[in-house]
Protein backbone atom coordinates (compact mmCIF):
# COMPACT_ATOMS: atom_id res chain seq x y z
CA MET A 1 -0.40 0.09 -0.27
CA GLU A 2 0.78 3.46 -0.52
CA GLU A 3 2.56 5.38 2.63
CA ARG A 4 -0.38 7.57 3.90
CA ALA A 5 -0.33 10.86 4.22
CA GLU A 6 -1.58 11.23 7.86
CA THR A 7 1.45 11.15 10.45
CA GLU A 8 -0.91 11.76 13.35
CA GLU A 9 0.56 8.83 16.62
CA ILE A 10 -2.78 7.56 17.85
CA LEU A 11 -0.91 4.49 19.85
CA SER A 12 2.57 4.37 21.63
CA LEU A 13 3.96 1.74 23.00
CA LYS A 14 7.63 2.22 25.10
CA GLY A 15 9.30 -0.14 26.67
CA ILE A 16 7.14 -2.66 27.38
CA GLU A 17 8.63 -5.80 30.02
CA LYS A 18 6.62 -9.02 30.46
CA THR A 19 8.43 -11.81 32.08
CA PHE A 20 6.25 -15.24 32.45
CA THR A 21 7.72 -17.74 35.49
CA GLY A 22 11.61 -16.75 34.71
CA VAL A 23 10.91 -16.26 31.33
CA ARG A 24 11.43 -12.82 29.70
CA ALA A 25 8.46 -12.64 26.96
CA LEU A 26 8.94 -9.02 26.23
CA LYS A 27 12.68 -6.84 26.72
CA GLY A 28 12.04 -2.98 26.74
CA VAL A 29 9.77 -3.22 23.37
CA ASP A 30 8.91 -0.10 21.27
CA PHE A 31 6.09 -0.08 19.21
CA SER A 32 3.73 3.24 17.92
CA LEU A 33 0.52 3.56 15.36
CA LEU A 34 -0.81 6.06 12.97
CA ARG A 35 -4.14 7.13 12.54
CA GLY A 36 -5.48 5.11 9.07
CA GLU A 37 -2.36 2.96 8.85
CA VAL A 38 -1.66 -1.03 8.43
CA HIS A 39 1.69 -1.76 10.32
CA ALA A 40 2.66 -5.44 10.24
CA LEU A 41 3.92 -6.86 13.46
CA VAL A 42 6.56 -9.72 12.53
CA GLY A 43 8.89 -12.23 13.93
CA GLU A 44 9.37 -15.61 14.37
CA ASN A 45 6.93 -17.85 17.05
CA GLY A 46 7.84 -17.02 20.43
CA ALA A 47 9.15 -13.22 19.61
CA GLY A 48 6.96 -11.52 21.40
CA LYS A 49 4.41 -10.49 18.83
CA SER A 50 1.23 -12.43 20.79
CA THR A 51 2.05 -11.09 24.32
CA LEU A 52 2.46 -7.53 23.05
CA VAL A 53 -0.21 -6.88 21.57
CA LYS A 54 -2.36 -8.75 24.26
CA THR A 55 -0.37 -6.06 26.69
CA LEU A 56 -2.28 -3.53 24.82
CA THR A 57 -5.49 -5.19 24.88
CA GLY A 58 -5.36 -6.02 29.10
CA ILE A 59 -5.16 -9.70 28.09
CA VAL A 60 -2.00 -9.92 30.07
CA LYS A 61 -0.59 -7.17 32.52
CA LYS A 62 2.40 -5.71 31.82
CA ASP A 63 5.95 -5.14 33.88
CA ALA A 64 6.85 -2.26 33.27
CA GLY A 65 6.83 0.03 30.44
CA GLU A 66 4.16 2.81 29.18
CA ILE A 67 0.52 2.85 26.97
CA SER A 68 0.25 6.40 25.24
CA TYR A 69 -3.94 6.15 23.35
CA LEU A 70 -5.46 9.21 21.92
CA GLY A 71 -2.50 11.42 23.58
CA ARG A 72 -3.25 10.16 26.83
CA PHE A 73 -1.34 7.51 29.13
CA PHE A 74 -4.00 4.66 28.55
CA ASN A 75 -3.84 1.13 31.07
CA PRO A 76 -6.03 -1.45 30.23
CA ARG A 77 -8.00 -3.38 33.01
CA HIS A 78 -9.12 -6.00 30.66
CA PRO A 79 -10.24 -6.69 27.11
CA LYS A 80 -13.71 -5.48 27.86
CA TYR A 81 -12.56 -1.97 28.85
CA ALA A 82 -10.01 -1.53 25.71
CA LEU A 83 -12.79 -2.49 23.35
CA GLU A 84 -14.98 -0.02 24.87
CA MET A 85 -12.38 2.08 24.50
CA GLY A 86 -12.11 1.65 20.74
CA ILE A 87 -9.00 -0.98 20.52
CA GLY A 88 -10.12 -4.64 19.14
CA ILE A 89 -8.37 -7.64 17.84
CA ILE A 90 -9.20 -10.45 15.75
CA HIS A 91 -7.49 -13.28 17.37
CA GLN A 92 -6.52 -16.20 14.60
CA GLU A 93 -8.99 -18.53 16.92
CA LEU A 94 -12.39 -17.10 16.53
CA ASN A 95 -14.25 -16.42 19.30
CA MET A 96 -17.92 -16.49 18.66
CA MET A 97 -20.94 -19.35 19.00
CA ASP A 98 -22.05 -20.77 15.83
CA HIS A 99 -25.65 -21.50 16.85
CA LEU A 100 -26.51 -17.89 17.65
CA THR A 101 -27.99 -15.91 14.06
CA VAL A 102 -25.41 -13.08 12.73
CA ALA A 103 -27.09 -10.07 14.19
CA GLN A 104 -27.15 -12.16 17.93
CA ASN A 105 -23.44 -12.64 17.76
CA ILE A 106 -22.54 -9.09 16.87
CA PHE A 107 -24.41 -6.96 19.65
CA ILE A 108 -24.59 -10.14 22.29
CA GLY A 109 -24.69 -7.94 25.71
CA ARG A 110 -26.46 -4.95 23.99
CA GLU A 111 -28.99 -6.60 22.10
CA SER A 112 -31.88 -4.04 20.92
CA THR A 113 -35.36 -3.93 23.10
CA ARG A 114 -38.66 -2.49 23.07
CA PRO A 115 -39.28 0.54 24.72
CA GLY A 116 -39.29 -0.63 28.10
CA GLY A 117 -36.26 -2.59 28.01
CA LEU A 118 -38.06 -6.28 28.81
CA LEU A 119 -38.42 -7.62 25.28
CA LEU A 120 -35.66 -8.39 22.51
CA ASP A 121 -36.52 -6.23 19.11
CA GLU A 122 -35.08 -8.97 17.06
CA GLY A 123 -35.79 -6.81 13.62
CA GLU A 124 -34.42 -3.74 15.05
CA GLN A 125 -31.22 -5.46 15.56
CA ASN A 126 -30.73 -6.92 12.63
CA ARG A 127 -31.73 -3.45 10.99
CA ARG A 128 -28.63 -2.40 12.13
CA ALA A 129 -26.57 -5.35 11.72
CA ALA A 130 -27.33 -4.85 8.03
CA ARG A 131 -26.53 -1.03 8.03
CA LEU A 132 -22.85 -1.62 9.70
CA PHE A 133 -22.28 -4.82 6.60
CA ASP A 134 -23.57 -1.61 4.45
CA ARG A 135 -20.80 0.54 5.92
CA LEU A 136 -17.99 -1.56 5.43
CA ASN A 137 -19.38 -2.97 2.04
CA MET A 138 -19.43 -6.75 3.59
CA ASP A 139 -22.26 -9.29 1.59
CA ILE A 140 -24.14 -10.82 5.03
CA ASP A 141 -27.50 -11.99 5.88
CA PRO A 142 -27.33 -10.70 9.58
CA THR A 143 -30.34 -13.17 9.90
CA ALA A 144 -28.04 -16.37 9.01
CA LEU A 145 -26.73 -18.61 11.70
CA LEU A 146 -23.16 -17.91 12.08
CA GLY A 147 -22.41 -21.67 11.98
CA THR A 148 -23.26 -22.16 8.07
CA LEU A 149 -21.16 -19.05 6.78
CA THR A 150 -17.84 -20.10 5.70
CA VAL A 151 -14.51 -19.20 8.17
CA GLY A 152 -13.96 -16.40 5.87
CA LYS A 153 -17.12 -14.77 6.22
CA GLN A 154 -17.32 -15.47 9.88
CA GLN A 155 -13.85 -13.36 10.28
CA MET A 156 -15.78 -10.41 8.81
CA VAL A 157 -18.55 -10.51 11.14
CA GLU A 158 -15.92 -10.73 14.25
CA ILE A 159 -14.28 -7.68 12.28
CA ALA A 160 -18.39 -6.21 12.10
CA LYS A 161 -18.70 -6.91 15.81
CA ALA A 162 -15.39 -4.68 16.68
CA VAL A 163 -15.56 -1.94 14.31
CA SER A 164 -19.17 -1.26 15.86
CA HIS A 165 -17.90 -0.13 19.38
CA ASP A 166 -16.60 3.01 17.64
CA LEU A 167 -13.15 1.43 16.74
CA ARG A 168 -9.75 3.13 16.81
CA VAL A 169 -7.25 0.41 16.79
CA LEU A 170 -8.05 -3.01 14.91
CA ILE A 171 -5.63 -5.53 15.63
CA LEU A 172 -5.21 -8.40 13.11
CA ASP A 173 -3.68 -11.66 14.63
CA GLU A 174 -2.81 -14.04 11.88
CA PRO A 175 -6.52 -12.88 10.06
CA THR A 176 -5.73 -15.36 6.62
CA ALA A 177 -3.81 -18.11 8.08
CA ALA A 178 -7.49 -20.44 7.09
CA LEU A 179 -8.84 -18.21 4.48
CA THR A 180 -9.20 -18.71 0.34
CA ASN A 181 -7.46 -16.21 -1.99
CA ASN A 182 -10.87 -14.93 -2.60
CA GLU A 183 -11.71 -14.18 0.89
CA ILE A 184 -8.33 -12.92 1.29
CA ALA A 185 -9.06 -10.14 -1.49
CA GLU A 186 -12.26 -9.24 0.38
CA LEU A 187 -10.74 -8.48 3.84
CA PHE A 188 -7.92 -6.60 2.06
CA THR A 189 -10.60 -4.44 0.41
CA ILE A 190 -12.50 -3.98 4.40
CA MET A 191 -8.70 -3.42 5.51
CA ARG A 192 -8.20 -0.67 3.18
CA GLY A 193 -11.88 0.49 3.84
CA LEU A 194 -11.54 0.95 7.31
CA SER A 195 -8.30 2.74 6.96
CA ASP A 196 -9.67 5.37 4.76
CA GLN A 197 -11.92 5.97 8.06
CA GLY A 198 -9.00 6.31 9.42
CA VAL A 199 -8.33 3.30 11.80
CA GLY A 200 -5.14 2.24 12.92
CA MET A 201 -4.25 -1.20 12.39
CA ILE A 202 -1.55 -3.90 13.79
CA TYR A 203 -1.39 -6.66 11.35
CA ILE A 204 0.16 -9.84 12.41
CA SER A 205 1.19 -12.42 9.86
CA HIS A 206 4.01 -14.24 8.59
CA ARG A 207 3.26 -13.98 4.81
CA MET A 208 5.79 -11.70 3.55
CA ASP A 209 4.12 -11.09 0.22
CA GLU A 210 0.80 -10.06 1.99
CA ILE A 211 2.79 -7.77 4.16
CA GLY A 212 4.33 -6.26 0.89
CA GLU A 213 0.68 -5.78 0.02
CA ILE A 214 -1.96 -4.35 2.28
CA THR A 215 0.57 -3.02 5.13
CA HIS A 216 2.36 0.52 5.10
CA ARG A 217 5.48 -0.16 8.10
CA VAL A 218 6.73 -3.27 9.34
CA THR A 219 7.82 -3.88 12.63
CA VAL A 220 10.21 -6.67 13.35
CA MET A 221 10.75 -8.56 17.17
CA ARG A 222 13.25 -10.84 17.36
CA ASP A 223 13.61 -12.95 20.81
CA GLY A 224 11.63 -10.50 22.92
CA GLU A 225 13.27 -7.29 22.07
CA TYR A 226 12.18 -4.54 19.63
CA VAL A 227 14.48 -5.02 15.62
CA GLY A 228 13.48 -2.51 14.44
CA THR A 229 10.79 -0.47 12.06
CA ARG A 230 10.82 0.15 8.12
CA VAL A 231 8.41 1.31 5.48
CA THR A 232 6.87 -1.14 3.57
CA ARG A 233 7.66 0.20 0.11
CA ASP A 234 11.33 0.83 1.00
CA VAL A 235 12.63 -2.77 2.18
CA SER A 236 12.28 -6.05 0.52
CA ARG A 237 11.23 -9.31 2.04
CA ASP A 238 15.26 -10.91 2.52
CA GLU A 239 15.42 -7.78 4.45
CA ILE A 240 12.93 -8.24 6.43
CA ILE A 241 13.83 -12.38 7.11
CA ASN A 242 17.50 -11.35 7.69
CA MET A 243 15.88 -9.07 10.82
CA MET A 244 13.48 -11.54 12.14
CA VAL A 245 16.19 -14.75 12.41
CA GLY A 246 19.56 -12.71 12.31
CA ARG A 247 20.34 -14.95 9.64
CA VAL A 248 19.57 -15.58 5.55
CA ILE A 249 17.27 -18.34 4.68
CA PHE A 250 17.24 -19.37 0.94
CA GLU A 251 14.06 -21.21 -0.34
CA THR A 252 15.16 -22.63 -3.81
CA PRO A 253 13.26 -25.28 -5.34
CA LYS A 254 14.54 -29.10 -5.19
CA GLU A 255 15.61 -29.78 -8.98
CA LYS A 256 15.58 -33.32 -8.42
CA SER A 257 14.17 -36.44 -6.24
CA ALA A 258 16.54 -37.76 -3.43
CA VAL A 259 15.26 -41.22 -4.05
CA PRO A 260 16.15 -44.02 -5.21
CA ASP A 261 15.15 -45.68 -8.42
CA ASP A 262 14.78 -49.25 -6.56
CA ALA A 263 13.72 -47.92 -3.63
CA PRO A 264 10.62 -49.88 -2.23
CA VAL A 265 7.02 -49.41 -2.05
CA VAL A 266 6.01 -48.93 1.79
CA LEU A 267 2.39 -47.41 1.33
CA LYS A 268 0.20 -48.19 -1.77
CA VAL A 269 -3.53 -46.67 -1.84
CA ASP A 270 -5.73 -48.44 -4.81
CA HIS A 271 -8.99 -46.75 -5.61
CA LEU A 272 -9.78 -45.29 -2.21
CA LYS A 273 -13.09 -43.91 -1.71
CA ALA A 274 -14.41 -41.49 1.47
CA GLY A 275 -17.43 -39.41 1.68
CA ARG A 276 -18.28 -36.76 -0.58
CA MET A 277 -15.04 -35.40 -0.83
CA VAL A 278 -12.18 -38.51 -1.71
CA LYS A 279 -13.92 -40.21 -4.82
CA ASP A 280 -11.57 -42.39 -6.53
CA VAL A 281 -7.96 -41.66 -4.97
CA SER A 282 -4.65 -43.89 -6.28
CA PHE A 283 -1.19 -43.69 -5.36
CA SER A 284 2.21 -45.19 -3.66
CA LEU A 285 4.96 -43.99 -1.57
CA ARG A 286 8.12 -45.45 -1.32
CA GLN A 287 10.74 -45.16 1.31
CA GLY A 288 12.44 -42.00 2.39
CA GLU A 289 10.53 -40.14 -0.25
CA ILE A 290 8.76 -36.90 0.44
CA LEU A 291 5.33 -36.80 -1.58
CA GLY A 292 3.54 -33.39 -1.86
CA PHE A 293 -0.04 -33.38 -2.12
CA ALA A 294 -0.84 -30.09 -4.10
CA GLY A 295 -4.19 -28.99 -4.86
CA LEU A 296 -7.44 -26.25 -4.18
CA MET A 297 -9.30 -25.78 -1.08
CA GLY A 298 -11.83 -28.38 -1.37
CA ALA A 299 -9.66 -30.92 -3.28
CA GLY A 300 -10.33 -33.42 -0.75
CA ARG A 301 -6.34 -34.04 0.38
CA THR A 302 -6.67 -33.70 4.21
CA GLU A 303 -10.09 -35.85 3.57
CA THR A 304 -8.07 -38.50 2.38
CA ALA A 305 -5.23 -38.42 4.91
CA ARG A 306 -8.21 -39.50 7.52
CA ALA A 307 -9.61 -41.57 5.94
CA ILE A 308 -5.87 -43.59 5.31
CA PHE A 309 -4.95 -42.57 9.16
CA GLY A 310 -8.42 -44.45 10.21
CA ALA A 311 -10.51 -40.93 11.11
CA ASP A 312 -12.60 -41.16 8.56
CA PRO A 313 -14.69 -43.93 7.15
CA VAL A 314 -13.66 -45.83 3.88
CA GLN A 315 -16.62 -47.39 1.64
CA ARG A 316 -14.14 -48.38 -0.91
CA GLY A 317 -11.00 -49.07 -1.47
CA MET A 318 -7.36 -51.13 -1.13
CA ILE A 319 -4.65 -50.22 1.43
CA GLU A 320 -1.32 -51.76 1.68
CA ILE A 321 1.76 -50.87 4.06
CA LYS A 322 5.15 -52.48 3.29
CA GLY A 323 3.47 -54.90 0.31
CA ARG A 324 0.84 -56.60 2.66
CA PRO A 325 -2.79 -55.41 2.75
CA VAL A 326 -3.97 -53.64 5.68
CA TRP A 327 -7.68 -52.85 7.17
CA ILE A 328 -7.52 -49.50 9.65
CA LYS A 329 -11.03 -48.20 10.90
CA THR A 330 -9.35 -46.24 13.56
CA PRO A 331 -6.55 -44.11 14.33
CA ALA A 332 -5.12 -46.70 17.04
CA ASP A 333 -5.24 -49.01 13.85
CA ALA A 334 -3.03 -46.50 11.50
CA VAL A 335 -0.56 -46.52 14.77
CA ALA A 336 -0.04 -49.78 15.04
CA HIS A 337 0.88 -49.98 11.31
CA GLY A 338 3.48 -47.63 12.17
CA LEU A 339 1.83 -44.35 10.33
CA GLY A 340 2.16 -40.71 12.38
CA TYR A 341 -0.53 -38.07 11.24
CA LEU A 342 -0.08 -34.26 11.75
CA SER A 343 -3.23 -32.51 11.67
CA GLU A 344 -3.72 -29.26 9.74
CA ASP A 345 -5.47 -28.26 13.04
CA ARG A 346 -2.58 -29.11 15.73
CA LYS A 347 -4.61 -27.47 18.48
CA ARG A 348 -7.95 -29.78 18.00
CA TYR A 349 -6.15 -32.66 16.22
CA GLY A 350 -2.86 -33.02 17.61
CA LEU A 351 -2.68 -31.93 21.41
CA ALA A 352 -4.03 -31.98 24.47
CA LEU A 353 -3.40 -27.80 25.66
CA ASN A 354 -3.69 -28.45 28.68
CA LEU A 355 -1.32 -31.25 29.72
CA SER A 356 2.55 -30.71 29.69
CA ILE A 357 5.18 -30.80 26.87
CA ARG A 358 5.75 -34.48 28.20
CA GLU A 359 3.10 -35.60 28.11
CA ASN A 360 2.16 -34.58 25.52
CA ALA A 361 5.84 -36.37 23.40
CA VAL A 362 4.93 -39.11 24.85
CA MET A 363 1.18 -40.01 24.41
CA ALA A 364 1.30 -42.03 21.53
CA ALA A 365 4.26 -44.12 22.56
CA LEU A 366 3.19 -45.01 26.60
CA GLU A 367 3.85 -48.76 26.08
CA ARG A 368 6.94 -48.05 25.28
CA PHE A 369 7.95 -46.66 28.65
CA GLU A 370 5.72 -49.12 30.83
CA LYS A 371 7.27 -51.82 33.14
CA ASN A 372 5.16 -53.88 35.47
CA TRP A 373 2.11 -51.44 34.89
CA PHE A 374 4.24 -48.68 35.59
CA ILE A 375 5.22 -45.70 33.95
CA GLN A 376 8.96 -45.36 34.05
CA PHE A 377 8.73 -41.22 34.58
CA ARG A 378 12.64 -40.99 34.30
CA LYS A 379 12.41 -42.50 30.98
CA VAL A 380 10.16 -40.74 30.04
CA ALA A 381 12.00 -37.71 30.89
CA ALA A 382 15.01 -38.53 29.34
CA GLU A 383 13.47 -39.07 26.16
CA THR A 384 11.45 -36.31 26.06
CA GLU A 385 14.05 -33.83 26.88
CA ALA A 386 16.24 -35.71 24.32
CA TYR A 387 13.40 -34.25 21.12
CA ILE A 388 13.14 -31.25 22.39
CA GLU A 389 16.98 -30.21 22.47
CA LYS A 390 16.96 -31.79 19.02
CA LEU A 391 13.69 -29.77 17.73
CA ARG A 392 15.48 -26.36 19.52
CA VAL A 393 11.99 -26.26 21.49
CA LYS A 394 11.90 -22.64 23.12
CA THR A 395 10.57 -23.96 26.57
CA PRO A 396 11.66 -23.19 30.02
CA SER A 397 11.03 -27.07 31.03
CA ILE A 398 9.52 -30.01 29.23
CA ASP A 399 6.93 -29.41 31.82
CA GLN A 400 5.32 -26.30 30.24
CA ILE A 401 1.85 -26.35 29.58
CA ILE A 402 1.46 -26.74 25.82
CA ARG A 403 -1.00 -24.14 25.54
CA ASN A 404 1.54 -21.67 26.50
CA LEU A 405 4.26 -22.72 23.47
CA SER A 406 3.94 -20.49 20.26
CA GLY A 407 2.62 -22.36 17.31
CA GLY A 408 6.08 -23.36 15.98
CA ASN A 409 6.80 -25.15 18.96
CA GLN A 410 3.76 -26.43 19.60
CA GLN A 411 3.93 -27.93 16.16
CA LYS A 412 7.51 -29.08 16.66
CA VAL A 413 5.87 -31.04 19.89
CA VAL A 414 3.67 -32.98 17.32
CA ILE A 415 6.88 -34.06 15.22
CA ALA A 416 8.59 -35.44 18.49
CA LYS A 417 5.79 -37.41 19.62
CA TRP A 418 5.57 -39.35 16.48
CA LEU A 419 9.36 -39.51 16.29
CA ILE A 420 9.30 -41.10 19.81
CA ARG A 421 6.55 -43.68 18.42
CA ASN A 422 9.20 -44.40 15.76
CA SER A 423 6.46 -44.63 12.79
CA ASP A 424 7.80 -45.20 9.73
CA ILE A 425 5.42 -43.19 7.78
CA LEU A 426 4.41 -39.66 7.75
CA ILE A 427 1.34 -37.46 7.14
CA PHE A 428 2.34 -33.96 7.76
CA ASP A 429 -0.83 -31.51 6.73
CA GLU A 430 0.58 -28.14 6.16
CA PRO A 431 3.02 -28.59 8.53
CA THR A 432 3.92 -24.60 8.18
CA ARG A 433 0.46 -23.56 8.54
CA GLY A 434 0.91 -19.75 10.80
CA ILE A 435 4.70 -20.96 11.70
CA ASP A 436 6.86 -18.46 10.78
CA VAL A 437 10.25 -18.47 8.31
CA GLY A 438 12.85 -19.09 10.61
CA ALA A 439 10.57 -22.62 12.80
CA LYS A 440 9.87 -23.55 8.44
CA SER A 441 13.25 -23.88 7.85
CA GLU A 442 13.65 -25.53 10.82
CA ILE A 443 10.91 -28.19 10.10
CA TYR A 444 12.41 -28.37 6.53
CA ALA A 445 15.44 -29.12 7.98
CA LEU A 446 13.84 -31.97 9.96
CA MET A 447 12.10 -33.61 7.32
CA THR A 448 14.89 -33.93 4.99
CA GLU A 449 16.72 -35.45 7.90
CA LEU A 450 13.98 -38.03 8.81
CA ALA A 451 13.25 -38.60 4.74
CA GLU A 452 16.94 -39.43 4.19
CA GLN A 453 16.91 -41.75 7.53
CA GLY A 454 14.23 -43.83 5.86
CA LYS A 455 11.24 -41.83 7.19
CA SER A 456 8.19 -42.08 4.36
CA ILE A 457 6.64 -38.57 4.48
CA ILE A 458 3.16 -37.16 2.43
CA MET A 459 3.39 -33.85 2.82
CA ILE A 460 0.35 -31.63 2.37
CA SER A 461 0.53 -27.87 0.86
CA SER A 462 -1.51 -25.11 0.39
CA GLU A 463 1.92 -23.31 -0.56
CA LEU A 464 3.61 -24.07 -4.01
CA PRO A 465 7.16 -22.65 -3.41
CA GLU A 466 6.68 -24.76 -0.31
CA VAL A 467 5.56 -28.02 -2.68
CA LEU A 468 8.47 -26.86 -4.87
CA ARG A 469 11.04 -27.28 -2.09
CA MET A 470 10.64 -30.10 0.01
CA SER A 471 8.57 -32.66 -2.36
CA ASP A 472 10.51 -35.31 -4.50
CA ARG A 473 7.29 -36.42 -6.47
CA VAL A 474 4.19 -34.39 -6.53
CA VAL A 475 0.58 -35.80 -6.67
CA VAL A 476 -2.05 -32.92 -7.89
CA MET A 477 -5.67 -33.22 -6.36
CA CYS A 478 -8.94 -31.64 -7.82
CA GLU A 479 -12.55 -32.24 -6.62
CA GLY A 480 -11.68 -35.79 -4.71
CA ARG A 481 -9.62 -36.97 -7.54
CA ILE A 482 -5.98 -37.24 -8.66
CA THR A 483 -5.64 -35.53 -11.88
CA GLY A 484 -1.59 -36.08 -12.21
CA GLU A 485 1.66 -36.65 -10.88
CA LEU A 486 4.71 -34.78 -11.52
CA ASP A 487 8.29 -36.18 -10.68
CA ILE A 488 9.99 -32.63 -8.94
CA SER A 489 12.42 -32.32 -12.18
CA GLU A 490 9.29 -31.30 -13.95
CA ALA A 491 7.42 -29.55 -11.56
CA SER A 492 6.33 -25.81 -11.77
CA GLN A 493 3.94 -23.42 -10.11
CA GLU A 494 2.35 -23.47 -13.92
CA SER A 495 2.12 -27.38 -14.11
CA ILE A 496 0.83 -27.66 -10.92
CA MET A 497 -2.20 -25.18 -11.45
CA LYS A 498 -3.20 -26.54 -14.43
CA LEU A 499 -3.45 -29.86 -13.00
CA ALA A 500 -4.86 -28.96 -9.49
CA THR A 501 -7.79 -26.51 -12.06
CA MET A 502 -8.18 -29.99 -13.88
CA ARG A 503 -12.11 -30.59 -13.05
CA ASN A 504 -13.72 -33.49 -13.84
CA GLN A 505 -16.03 -33.28 -16.97
CA GLU A 506 -18.94 -35.92 -16.00
């Protein structure tokens, strides 16, 4: 976006400090926001971005430093107070109620009532929502149940709810992580409209192309410290990444497969059908291979992985592991046959968020640590420590509750879980979604190392540069079917997209 003419500072944070149980999360951080500005806040997972904005909204109490808002000292006591003062936040995980209507979600606690104040006036409430959507150029039915909307539309509703509070500052935390390209374009249109109305926005994202498109300035954090602020149009992607990680990261495509021609097939899937999204899928996976699965949203890639892993019922088809037919009806069957699955939704399916790193890391392999009906806790601790060190998980101890880790470190714990289980076949579903470039590079190196050790990996990814960097071979899906396979030596973004849009003509 072009640099804004306005230079009025509406928000200033100076010398912000925060410590959690001996870990210094923020170390004298400075940040400012101008009226109508979209200001990117970037850094590796664990850099302190979320903690900083939580101090601004009253979710976390700062230990030291000053916040100035609209020219006055500001000390947010809780999120409701911050919202009433005009500072709203849209979290990565949406926080609304599916069983209520759109209008009911927006005005919950501020409902429209009939004269006397005893009876709700649903009609007026719907009209209020319609006027709000008209102002924001959103095409949403106020009377629709929220649960019937796409994730993108639900996010628009949450933005509308925040704006309805006479918003001056809007914080968006990874807002595009689960959106389609069309929904991202719609979100950016709304953000530009808010910018024109003078709303300042703090935009947290790991997607460098989006930062270049939608933001005016970029502030970089590293290890809880302020690194620097740049005007977006004057800084390159590589410069931002170097500021984030303190080193240069190269993302060049893989030129040729590393898998020997005589590598044995460890997984074979024939004519798999499962539900509406997996119509007829056949492919093979070889030992030591990273097999990329590409396709647009709704192609059936995740559903294929879930069917193979026993999470969804299979209606037809055959699965062979190491040359033998297997019948996988549950995830426990899959684990017993040497499969591990890293779900795209790690918080919902991959982790027990209220348990410790230690408990999460060994939950898939507890029988290995049993002796005479007792768990060998020293052995559990030693093995967990070894993998936490190997994967460079940032944590004060293995007893840290998993919920308190950054997204990248949570993902590493999920990987540790399947490595401790010693799974031979690993399904990585969107392994770097919501993860910064530094953690991405570490996970890429780990996947390469696992393949070199003879592990076999299916990698589902919506990021074509990631598919081209990591895969030995690429399988492309469209509408529940495989539309083609490409050796990495012949794969390109253009060839993959051609197959990804090859709709069935039946």
